[in-house]
């Protein structure tokens, strides 16, 4: 019997989770690069920094939702790319 979680219903495929994790990592990387290049107030920079951390953390946690769970699948953008290639996303 499969337990239903908040992040995944029974119809979600592993490839879809991998694609979501990749997009979260990619968005965080782009936002991080942009923060380094532009001049914005420190308070807003901190707020966006927390959002980057949250996106990366969410991507990493998606590894536990795979079937079978693999906590190391989405730790970085590189490992996420390898998992996407293995699942046929790219």
PDB file of N, CA and C in Angstrom:
ATOM      1  N   UNK A   1       0.829  -1.178   0.000  1.00  0.00           N
ATOM      2  CA  UNK A   1       0.000   0.000   0.000  1.00  0.00           C
ATOM      3  C   UNK A   1       0.880   1.250   0.000  1.00  0.00           C
ATOM      4  N   UNK A   2       0.607   2.160  -0.938  1.00  0.00           N
ATOM      5  CA  UNK A   2       1.377   3.385  -1.023  1.00  0.00           C
ATOM      6  C   UNK A   2       0.770   4.459  -0.129  1.00  0.00           C
ATOM      7  N   UNK A   3       1.609   5.135   0.629  1.00  0.00           N
ATOM      8  CA  UNK A   3       1.152   6.211   1.497  1.00  0.00           C
ATOM      9  C   UNK A   3       1.123   7.499   0.686  1.00  0.00           C
ATOM     10  N   UNK A   4       0.075   8.248   0.819  1.00  0.00           N
ATOM     11  CA  UNK A   4      -0.066   9.496   0.094  1.00  0.00           C
ATOM     12  C   UNK A   4       0.555  10.628   0.901  1.00  0.00           C
ATOM     13  N   UNK A   5       1.352  11.478   0.248  1.00  0.00           N
ATOM     14  CA  UNK A   5       1.987  12.595   0.937  1.00  0.00           C
ATOM     15  C   UNK A   5       1.435  13.900   0.396  1.00  0.00           C
ATOM     16  N   UNK A   6       1.840  14.983   1.006  1.00  0.00           N
ATOM     17  CA  UNK A   6       1.388  16.296   0.577  1.00  0.00           C
ATOM     18  C   UNK A   6       1.976  16.681  -0.780  1.00  0.00           C
ATOM     19  N   UNK A   7       3.200  16.244  -1.071  1.00  0.00           N
ATOM     20  CA  UNK A   7       3.877  16.669  -2.278  1.00  0.00           C
ATOM     21  C   UNK A   7       3.514  15.854  -3.505  1.00  0.00           C
ATOM     22  N   UNK A   8       3.035  14.656  -3.329  1.00  0.00           N
ATOM     23  CA  UNK A   8       2.861  13.787  -4.477  1.00  0.00           C
ATOM     24  C   UNK A   8       1.577  12.983  -4.364  1.00  0.00           C
ATOM     25  N   UNK A   9       0.829  12.940  -5.444  1.00  0.00           N
ATOM     26  CA  UNK A   9      -0.293  12.016  -5.458  1.00  0.00           C
ATOM     27  C   UNK A   9       0.149  10.759  -6.197  1.00  0.00           C
ATOM     28  N   UNK A  10      -0.692   9.784  -6.261  1.00  0.00           N
ATOM     29  CA  UNK A  10      -0.289   8.487  -6.805  1.00  0.00           C
ATOM     30  C   UNK A  10      -0.050   8.518  -8.313  1.00  0.00           C
ATOM     31  N   UNK A  11      -0.546   9.533  -9.013  1.00  0.00           N
ATOM     32  CA  UNK A  11      -0.408   9.597 -10.463  1.00  0.00           C
ATOM     33  C   UNK A  11       0.856  10.328 -10.919  1.00  0.00           C
ATOM     34  N   UNK A  12       1.573  10.969 -10.016  1.00  0.00           N
ATOM     35  CA  UNK A  12       2.776  11.707 -10.376  1.00  0.00           C
ATOM     36  C   UNK A  12       3.911  10.735 -10.694  1.00  0.00           C
ATOM     37  N   UNK A  13       4.511  10.921 -11.854  1.00  0.00           N
ATOM     38  CA  UNK A  13       5.615  10.055 -12.293  1.00  0.00           C
ATOM     39  C   UNK A  13       6.948  10.584 -11.771  1.00  0.00           C
ATOM     40  N   UNK A  14       7.940   9.693 -11.681  1.00  0.00           N
ATOM     41  CA  UNK A  14       9.281  10.092 -11.252  1.00  0.00           C
ATOM     42  C   UNK A  14       9.880  11.129 -12.187  1.00  0.00           C
ATOM     43  N   UNK A  15       9.617  11.010 -13.488  1.00  0.00           N
ATOM     44  CA  UNK A  15      10.160  11.963 -14.455  1.00  0.00           C
ATOM     45  C   UNK A  15       9.605  13.362 -14.204  1.00  0.00           C
ATOM     46  N   UNK A  16       8.352  13.457 -13.808  1.00  0.00           N
ATOM     47  CA  UNK A  16       7.757  14.762 -13.516  1.00  0.00           C
ATOM     48  C   UNK A  16       8.384  15.390 -12.271  1.00  0.00           C
ATOM     49  N   UNK A  17       8.667  14.571 -11.268  1.00  0.00           N
ATOM     50  CA  UNK A  17       9.346  15.072 -10.071  1.00  0.00           C
ATOM     51  C   UNK A  17      10.756  15.538 -10.405  1.00  0.00           C
ATOM     52  N   UNK A  18      11.446  14.790 -11.267  1.00  0.00           N
ATOM     53  CA  UNK A  18      12.799  15.162 -11.662  1.00  0.00           C
ATOM     54  C   UNK A  18      12.790  16.482 -12.427  1.00  0.00           C
ATOM     55  N   UNK A  19      11.815  16.654 -13.304  1.00  0.00           N
ATOM     56  CA  UNK A  19      11.716  17.909 -14.054  1.00  0.00           C
ATOM     57  C   UNK A  19      11.442  19.085 -13.118  1.00  0.00           C
ATOM     58  N   UNK A  20      10.567  18.892 -12.153  1.00  0.00           N
ATOM     59  CA  UNK A  20      10.277  19.945 -11.182  1.00  0.00           C
ATOM     60  C   UNK A  20      11.515  20.297 -10.373  1.00  0.00           C
ATOM     61  N   UNK A  21      12.246  19.296  -9.914  1.00  0.00           N
ATOM     62  CA  UNK A  21      13.471  19.539  -9.146  1.00  0.00           C
ATOM     63  C   UNK A  21      14.491  20.295  -9.992  1.00  0.00           C
ATOM     64  N   UNK A  22      14.614  19.929 -11.271  1.00  0.00           N
ATOM     65  CA  UNK A  22      15.556  20.610 -12.157  1.00  0.00           C
ATOM     66  C   UNK A  22      15.162  22.076 -12.330  1.00  0.00           C
ATOM     67  N   UNK A  23      13.875  22.339 -12.523  1.00  0.00           N
ATOM     68  CA  UNK A  23      13.415  23.715 -12.698  1.00  0.00           C
ATOM     69  C   UNK A  23      13.629  24.535 -11.421  1.00  0.00           C
ATOM     70  N   UNK A  24      13.441  23.935 -10.262  1.00  0.00           N
ATOM     71  CA  UNK A  24      13.688  24.635  -9.000  1.00  0.00           C
ATOM     72  C   UNK A  24      15.167  24.988  -8.859  1.00  0.00           C
ATOM     73  N   UNK A  25      16.043  24.026  -9.156  1.00  0.00           N
ATOM     74  CA  UNK A  25      17.490  24.287  -9.087  1.00  0.00           C
ATOM     75  C   UNK A  25      17.895  25.355 -10.094  1.00  0.00           C
ATOM     76  N   UNK A  26      17.370  25.263 -11.306  1.00  0.00           N
ATOM     77  CA  UNK A  26      17.723  26.212 -12.350  1.00  0.00           C
ATOM     78  C   UNK A  26      17.232  27.618 -11.998  1.00  0.00           C
ATOM     79  N   UNK A  27      16.017  27.724 -11.484  1.00  0.00           N
ATOM     80  CA  UNK A  27      15.495  29.022 -11.070  1.00  0.00           C
ATOM     81  C   UNK A  27      16.313  29.636  -9.944  1.00  0.00           C
ATOM     82  N   UNK A  28      16.712  28.803  -8.990  1.00  0.00           N
ATOM     83  CA  UNK A  28      17.535  29.288  -7.878  1.00  0.00           C
ATOM     84  C   UNK A  28      18.893  29.777  -8.380  1.00  0.00           C
ATOM     85  N   UNK A  29      19.481  29.063  -9.330  1.00  0.00           N
ATOM     86  CA  UNK A  29      20.786  29.461  -9.874  1.00  0.00           C
ATOM     87  C   UNK A  29      20.675  30.789 -10.629  1.00  0.00           C
ATOM     88  N   UNK A  30      19.621  30.942 -11.412  1.00  0.00           N
ATOM     89  CA  UNK A  30      19.435  32.199 -12.157  1.00  0.00           C
ATOM     90  C   UNK A  30      19.209  33.368 -11.208  1.00  0.00           C
ATOM     91  N   UNK A  31      18.390  33.162 -10.192  1.00  0.00           N
ATOM     92  CA  UNK A  31      18.131  34.221  -9.225  1.00  0.00           C
ATOM     93  C   UNK A  31      19.406  34.584  -8.463  1.00  0.00           C
ATOM     94  N   UNK A  32      20.205  33.584  -8.111  1.00  0.00           N
ATOM     95  CA  UNK A  32      21.468  33.827  -7.409  1.00  0.00           C
ATOM     96  C   UNK A  32      22.414  34.669  -8.276  1.00  0.00           C
ATOM     97  N   UNK A  33      22.521  34.322  -9.574  1.00  0.00           N
ATOM     98  CA  UNK A  33      23.380  35.088 -10.489  1.00  0.00           C
ATOM     99  C   UNK A  33      22.890  36.529 -10.611  1.00  0.00           C
ATOM    100  N   UNK A  34      21.587  36.703 -10.722  1.00  0.00           N
ATOM    101  CA  UNK A  34      21.012  38.041 -10.854  1.00  0.00           C
ATOM    102  C   UNK A  34      21.271  38.875  -9.611  1.00  0.00           C
ATOM    103  N   UNK A  35      21.150  38.265  -8.443  1.00  0.00           N
ATOM    104  CA  UNK A  35      21.411  38.991  -7.196  1.00  0.00           C
ATOM    105  C   UNK A  35      22.849  39.481  -7.118  1.00  0.00           C
ATOM    106  N   UNK A  36      23.770  38.727  -7.692  1.00  0.00           N
ATOM    107  CA  UNK A  36      25.173  39.132  -7.678  1.00  0.00           C
ATOM    108  C   UNK A  36      25.437  40.291  -8.636  1.00  0.00           C
ATOM    109  N   UNK A  37      24.637  40.397  -9.683  1.00  0.00           N
ATOM    110  CA  UNK A  37      24.902  41.380 -10.734  1.00  0.00           C
ATOM    111  C   UNK A  37      24.206  42.717 -10.517  1.00  0.00           C
ATOM    112  N   UNK A  38      23.095  42.750  -9.778  1.00  0.00           N
ATOM    113  CA  UNK A  38      22.334  43.997  -9.669  1.00  0.00           C
ATOM    114  C   UNK A  38      22.500  44.622  -8.293  1.00  0.00           C
ATOM    115  N   UNK A  39      22.154  45.894  -8.230  1.00  0.00           N
ATOM    116  CA  UNK A  39      22.254  46.644  -6.985  1.00  0.00           C
ATOM    117  C   UNK A  39      20.850  46.845  -6.424  1.00  0.00           C
ATOM    118  N   UNK A  40      20.538  46.132  -5.343  1.00  0.00           N
ATOM    119  CA  UNK A  40      19.234  46.266  -4.687  1.00  0.00           C
ATOM    120  C   UNK A  40      19.450  46.421  -3.192  1.00  0.00           C
ATOM    121  N   UNK A  41      18.443  46.910  -2.473  1.00  0.00           N
ATOM    122  CA  UNK A  41      18.584  47.065  -1.011  1.00  0.00           C
ATOM    123  C   UNK A  41      18.869  45.720  -0.327  1.00  0.00           C
ATOM    124  N   UNK A  42      19.630  45.792   0.747  1.00  0.00           N
ATOM    125  CA  UNK A  42      20.046  44.584   1.465  1.00  0.00           C
ATOM    126  C   UNK A  42      18.866  43.776   1.985  1.00  0.00           C
ATOM    127  N   UNK A  43      17.823  44.449   2.451  1.00  0.00           N
ATOM    128  CA  UNK A  43      16.667  43.726   2.992  1.00  0.00           C
ATOM    129  C   UNK A  43      16.010  42.879   1.902  1.00  0.00           C
ATOM    130  N   UNK A  44      15.896  43.434   0.716  1.00  0.00           N
ATOM    131  CA  UNK A  44      15.288  42.683  -0.379  1.00  0.00           C
ATOM    132  C   UNK A  44      16.212  41.564  -0.844  1.00  0.00           C
ATOM    133  N   UNK A  45      17.509  41.832  -0.828  1.00  0.00           N
ATOM    134  CA  UNK A  45      18.492  40.800  -1.191  1.00  0.00           C
ATOM    135  C   UNK A  45      18.388  39.607  -0.237  1.00  0.00           C
ATOM    136  N   UNK A  46      18.222  39.877   1.069  1.00  0.00           N
ATOM    137  CA  UNK A  46      18.074  38.803   2.053  1.00  0.00           C
ATOM    138  C   UNK A  46      16.798  38.008   1.829  1.00  0.00           C
ATOM    139  N   UNK A  47      15.724  38.715   1.505  1.00  0.00           N
ATOM    140  CA  UNK A  47      14.451  38.053   1.245  1.00  0.00           C
ATOM    141  C   UNK A  47      14.569  37.104   0.052  1.00  0.00           C
ATOM    142  N   UNK A  48      15.202  37.566  -1.008  1.00  0.00           N
ATOM    143  CA  UNK A  48      15.393  36.717  -2.182  1.00  0.00           C
ATOM    144  C   UNK A  48      16.373  35.576  -1.890  1.00  0.00           C
ATOM    145  N   UNK A  49      17.357  35.836  -1.038  1.00  0.00           N
ATOM    146  CA  UNK A  49      18.284  34.775  -0.634  1.00  0.00           C
ATOM    147  C   UNK A  49      17.568  33.648   0.086  1.00  0.00           C
ATOM    148  N   UNK A  50      16.599  34.010   0.916  1.00  0.00           N
ATOM    149  CA  UNK A  50      15.809  32.980   1.594  1.00  0.00           C
ATOM    150  C   UNK A  50      14.963  32.193   0.595  1.00  0.00           C
ATOM    151  N   UNK A  51      14.465  32.867  -0.427  1.00  0.00           N
ATOM    152  CA  UNK A  51      13.689  32.182  -1.457  1.00  0.00           C
ATOM    153  C   UNK A  51      14.575  31.194  -2.227  1.00  0.00           C
ATOM    154  N   UNK A  52      15.807  31.585  -2.524  1.00  0.00           N
ATOM    155  CA  UNK A  52      16.750  30.682  -3.197  1.00  0.00           C
ATOM    156  C   UNK A  52      16.965  29.441  -2.348  1.00  0.00           C
ATOM    157  N   UNK A  53      17.233  29.646  -1.058  1.00  0.00           N
ATOM    158  CA  UNK A  53      17.443  28.529  -0.145  1.00  0.00           C
ATOM    159  C   UNK A  53      16.226  27.621  -0.112  1.00  0.00           C
ATOM    160  N   UNK A  54      15.033  28.219  -0.090  1.00  0.00           N
ATOM    161  CA  UNK A  54      13.792  27.447  -0.040  1.00  0.00           C
ATOM    162  C   UNK A  54      13.613  26.609  -1.305  1.00  0.00           C
ATOM    163  N   UNK A  55      13.881  27.190  -2.471  1.00  0.00           N
ATOM    164  CA  UNK A  55      13.745  26.447  -3.731  1.00  0.00           C
ATOM    165  C   UNK A  55      14.694  25.261  -3.792  1.00  0.00           C
ATOM    166  N   UNK A  56      15.931  25.477  -3.385  1.00  0.00           N
ATOM    167  CA  UNK A  56      16.909  24.379  -3.396  1.00  0.00           C
ATOM    168  C   UNK A  56      16.490  23.305  -2.396  1.00  0.00           C
ATOM    169  N   UNK A  57      16.038  23.715  -1.236  1.00  0.00           N
ATOM    170  CA  UNK A  57      15.593  22.758  -0.221  1.00  0.00           C
ATOM    171  C   UNK A  57      14.390  21.949  -0.719  1.00  0.00           C
ATOM    172  N   UNK A  58      13.439  22.604  -1.368  1.00  0.00           N
ATOM    173  CA  UNK A  58      12.284  21.893  -1.912  1.00  0.00           C
ATOM    174  C   UNK A  58      12.713  20.885  -2.975  1.00  0.00           C
ATOM    175  N   UNK A  59      13.648  21.280  -3.822  1.00  0.00           N
ATOM    176  CA  UNK A  59      14.138  20.368  -4.862  1.00  0.00           C
ATOM    177  C   UNK A  59      14.792  19.147  -4.223  1.00  0.00           C
ATOM    178  N   UNK A  60      15.589  19.356  -3.190  1.00  0.00           N
ATOM    179  CA  UNK A  60      16.265  18.240  -2.523  1.00  0.00           C
ATOM    180  C   UNK A  60      15.256  17.311  -1.863  1.00  0.00           C
ATOM    181  N   UNK A  61      14.217  17.858  -1.272  1.00  0.00           N
ATOM    182  CA  UNK A  61      13.214  17.037  -0.591  1.00  0.00           C
ATOM    183  C   UNK A  61      12.377  16.204  -1.561  1.00  0.00           C
ATOM    184  N   UNK A  62      12.331  16.599  -2.821  1.00  0.00           N
ATOM    185  CA  UNK A  62      11.575  15.820  -3.806  1.00  0.00           C
ATOM    186  C   UNK A  62      12.185  14.426  -4.004  1.00  0.00           C
ATOM    187  N   UNK A  63      13.447  14.247  -3.652  1.00  0.00           N
ATOM    188  CA  UNK A  63      14.081  12.934  -3.758  1.00  0.00           C
ATOM    189  C   UNK A  63      13.415  11.891  -2.874  1.00  0.00           C
ATOM    190  N   UNK A  64      12.857  12.317  -1.764  1.00  0.00           N
ATOM    191  CA  UNK A  64      12.177  11.372  -0.877  1.00  0.00           C
ATOM    192  C   UNK A  64      10.825  10.956  -1.436  1.00  0.00           C
ATOM    193  N   UNK A  65      10.314  11.694  -2.428  1.00  0.00           N
ATOM    194  CA  UNK A  65       9.020  11.385  -3.025  1.00  0.00           C
ATOM    195  C   UNK A  65       9.135  10.440  -4.217  1.00  0.00           C
ATOM    196  N   UNK A  66      10.364  10.155  -4.644  1.00  0.00           N
ATOM    197  CA  UNK A  66      10.547   9.224  -5.758  1.00  0.00           C
ATOM    198  C   UNK A  66      10.085   7.832  -5.359  1.00  0.00           C
ATOM    199  N   UNK A  67       9.842   7.032  -6.343  1.00  0.00           N
ATOM    200  CA  UNK A  67       9.449   5.653  -6.083  1.00  0.00           C
ATOM    201  C   UNK A  67      10.488   4.741  -6.735  1.00  0.00           C
ATOM    202  N   UNK A  68      11.383   4.101  -6.022  1.00  0.00           N
ATOM    203  CA  UNK A  68      11.667   4.122  -4.581  1.00  0.00           C
ATOM    204  C   UNK A  68      12.383   5.411  -4.182  1.00  0.00           C
ATOM    205  N   UNK A  69      12.265   5.819  -2.920  1.00  0.00           N
ATOM    206  CA  UNK A  69      12.883   7.065  -2.456  1.00  0.00           C
ATOM    207  C   UNK A  69      14.395   7.061  -2.618  1.00  0.00           C
ATOM    208  N   UNK A  70      14.933   8.208  -3.046  1.00  0.00           N
ATOM    209  CA  UNK A  70      16.368   8.387  -3.203  1.00  0.00           C
ATOM    210  C   UNK A  70      16.708   9.794  -2.724  1.00  0.00           C
ATOM    211  N   UNK A  71      17.143   9.917  -1.486  1.00  0.00           N
ATOM    212  CA  UNK A  71      17.399  11.226  -0.890  1.00  0.00           C
ATOM    213  C   UNK A  71      18.553  11.962  -1.554  1.00  0.00           C
ATOM    214  N   UNK A  72      19.443  11.253  -2.242  1.00  0.00           N
ATOM    215  CA  UNK A  72      20.599  11.877  -2.875  1.00  0.00           C
ATOM    216  C   UNK A  72      20.357  12.242  -4.330  1.00  0.00           C
ATOM    217  N   UNK A  73      19.155  12.059  -4.836  1.00  0.00           N
ATOM    218  CA  UNK A  73      18.885  12.247  -6.262  1.00  0.00           C
ATOM    219  C   UNK A  73      18.960  13.706  -6.700  1.00  0.00           C
ATOM    220  N   UNK A  74      18.501  14.631  -5.878  1.00  0.00           N
ATOM    221  CA  UNK A  74      18.391  16.021  -6.301  1.00  0.00           C
ATOM    222  C   UNK A  74      19.165  16.979  -5.392  1.00  0.00           C
ATOM    223  N   UNK A  75      20.327  16.562  -4.913  1.00  0.00           N
ATOM    224  CA  UNK A  75      21.088  17.402  -3.995  1.00  0.00           C
ATOM    225  C   UNK A  75      21.655  18.647  -4.651  1.00  0.00           C
ATOM    226  N   UNK A  76      22.039  18.553  -5.912  1.00  0.00           N
ATOM    227  CA  UNK A  76      22.575  19.697  -6.647  1.00  0.00           C
ATOM    228  C   UNK A  76      22.010  19.669  -8.056  1.00  0.00           C
ATOM    229  N   UNK A  77      22.303  20.714  -8.811  1.00  0.00           N
ATOM    230  CA  UNK A  77      21.786  20.748 -10.176  1.00  0.00           C
ATOM    231  C   UNK A  77      22.440  19.665 -11.035  1.00  0.00           C
ATOM    232  N   UNK A  78      23.692  19.330 -10.731  1.00  0.00           N
ATOM    233  CA  UNK A  78      24.390  18.294 -11.490  1.00  0.00           C
ATOM    234  C   UNK A  78      23.776  16.914 -11.244  1.00  0.00           C
ATOM    235  N   UNK A  79      23.520  16.580  -9.980  1.00  0.00           N
ATOM    236  CA  UNK A  79      22.905  15.280  -9.690  1.00  0.00           C
ATOM    237  C   UNK A  79      21.477  15.224 -10.218  1.00  0.00           C
ATOM    238  N   UNK A  80      20.811  16.376 -10.225  1.00  0.00           N
ATOM    239  CA  UNK A  80      19.457  16.430 -10.776  1.00  0.00           C
ATOM    240  C   UNK A  80      19.479  16.191 -12.277  1.00  0.00           C
ATOM    241  N   UNK A  81      20.460  16.775 -12.978  1.00  0.00           N
ATOM    242  CA  UNK A  81      20.595  16.541 -14.415  1.00  0.00           C
ATOM    243  C   UNK A  81      20.842  15.071 -14.710  1.00  0.00           C
ATOM    244  N   UNK A  82      21.700  14.430 -13.920  1.00  0.00           N
ATOM    245  CA  UNK A  82      21.968  13.002 -14.128  1.00  0.00           C
ATOM    246  C   UNK A  82      20.709  12.176 -13.911  1.00  0.00           C
ATOM    247  N   UNK A  83      19.941  12.514 -12.889  1.00  0.00           N
ATOM    248  CA  UNK A  83      18.696  11.787 -12.616  1.00  0.00           C
ATOM    249  C   UNK A  83      17.685  12.020 -13.742  1.00  0.00           C
ATOM    250  N   UNK A  84      17.623  13.239 -14.266  1.00  0.00           N
ATOM    251  CA  UNK A  84      16.725  13.534 -15.380  1.00  0.00           C
ATOM    252  C   UNK A  84      17.095  12.731 -16.619  1.00  0.00           C
ATOM    253  N   UNK A  85      18.395  12.641 -16.904  1.00  0.00           N
ATOM    254  CA  UNK A  85      18.838  11.848 -18.050  1.00  0.00           C
ATOM    255  C   UNK A  85      18.499  10.378 -17.872  1.00  0.00           C
ATOM    256  N   UNK A  86      18.653   9.885 -16.640  1.00  0.00           N
ATOM    257  CA  UNK A  86      18.348   8.487 -16.356  1.00  0.00           C
ATOM    258  C   UNK A  86      16.860   8.194 -16.522  1.00  0.00           C
ATOM    259  N   UNK A  87      16.006   9.176 -16.192  1.00  0.00           N
ATOM    260  CA  UNK A  87      14.568   8.984 -16.276  1.00  0.00           C
ATOM    261  C   UNK A  87      13.986   9.384 -17.640  1.00  0.00           C
ATOM    262  N   UNK A  88      14.830   9.895 -18.524  1.00  0.00           N
ATOM    263  CA  UNK A  88      14.391  10.226 -19.868  1.00  0.00           C
ATOM    264  C   UNK A  88      13.709  11.581 -20.001  1.00  0.00           C
ATOM    265  N   UNK A  89      13.985  12.509 -19.096  1.00  0.00           N
ATOM    266  CA  UNK A  89      13.395  13.845 -19.174  1.00  0.00           C
ATOM    267  C   UNK A  89      14.045  14.649 -20.290  1.00  0.00           C
ATOM    268  N   UNK A  90      15.372  14.499 -20.443  1.00  0.00           N
ATOM    269  CA  UNK A  90      16.106  15.233 -21.483  1.00  0.00           C
ATOM    270  C   UNK A  90      16.274  14.345 -22.694  1.00  0.00           C
TER     271      UNK A  90
END
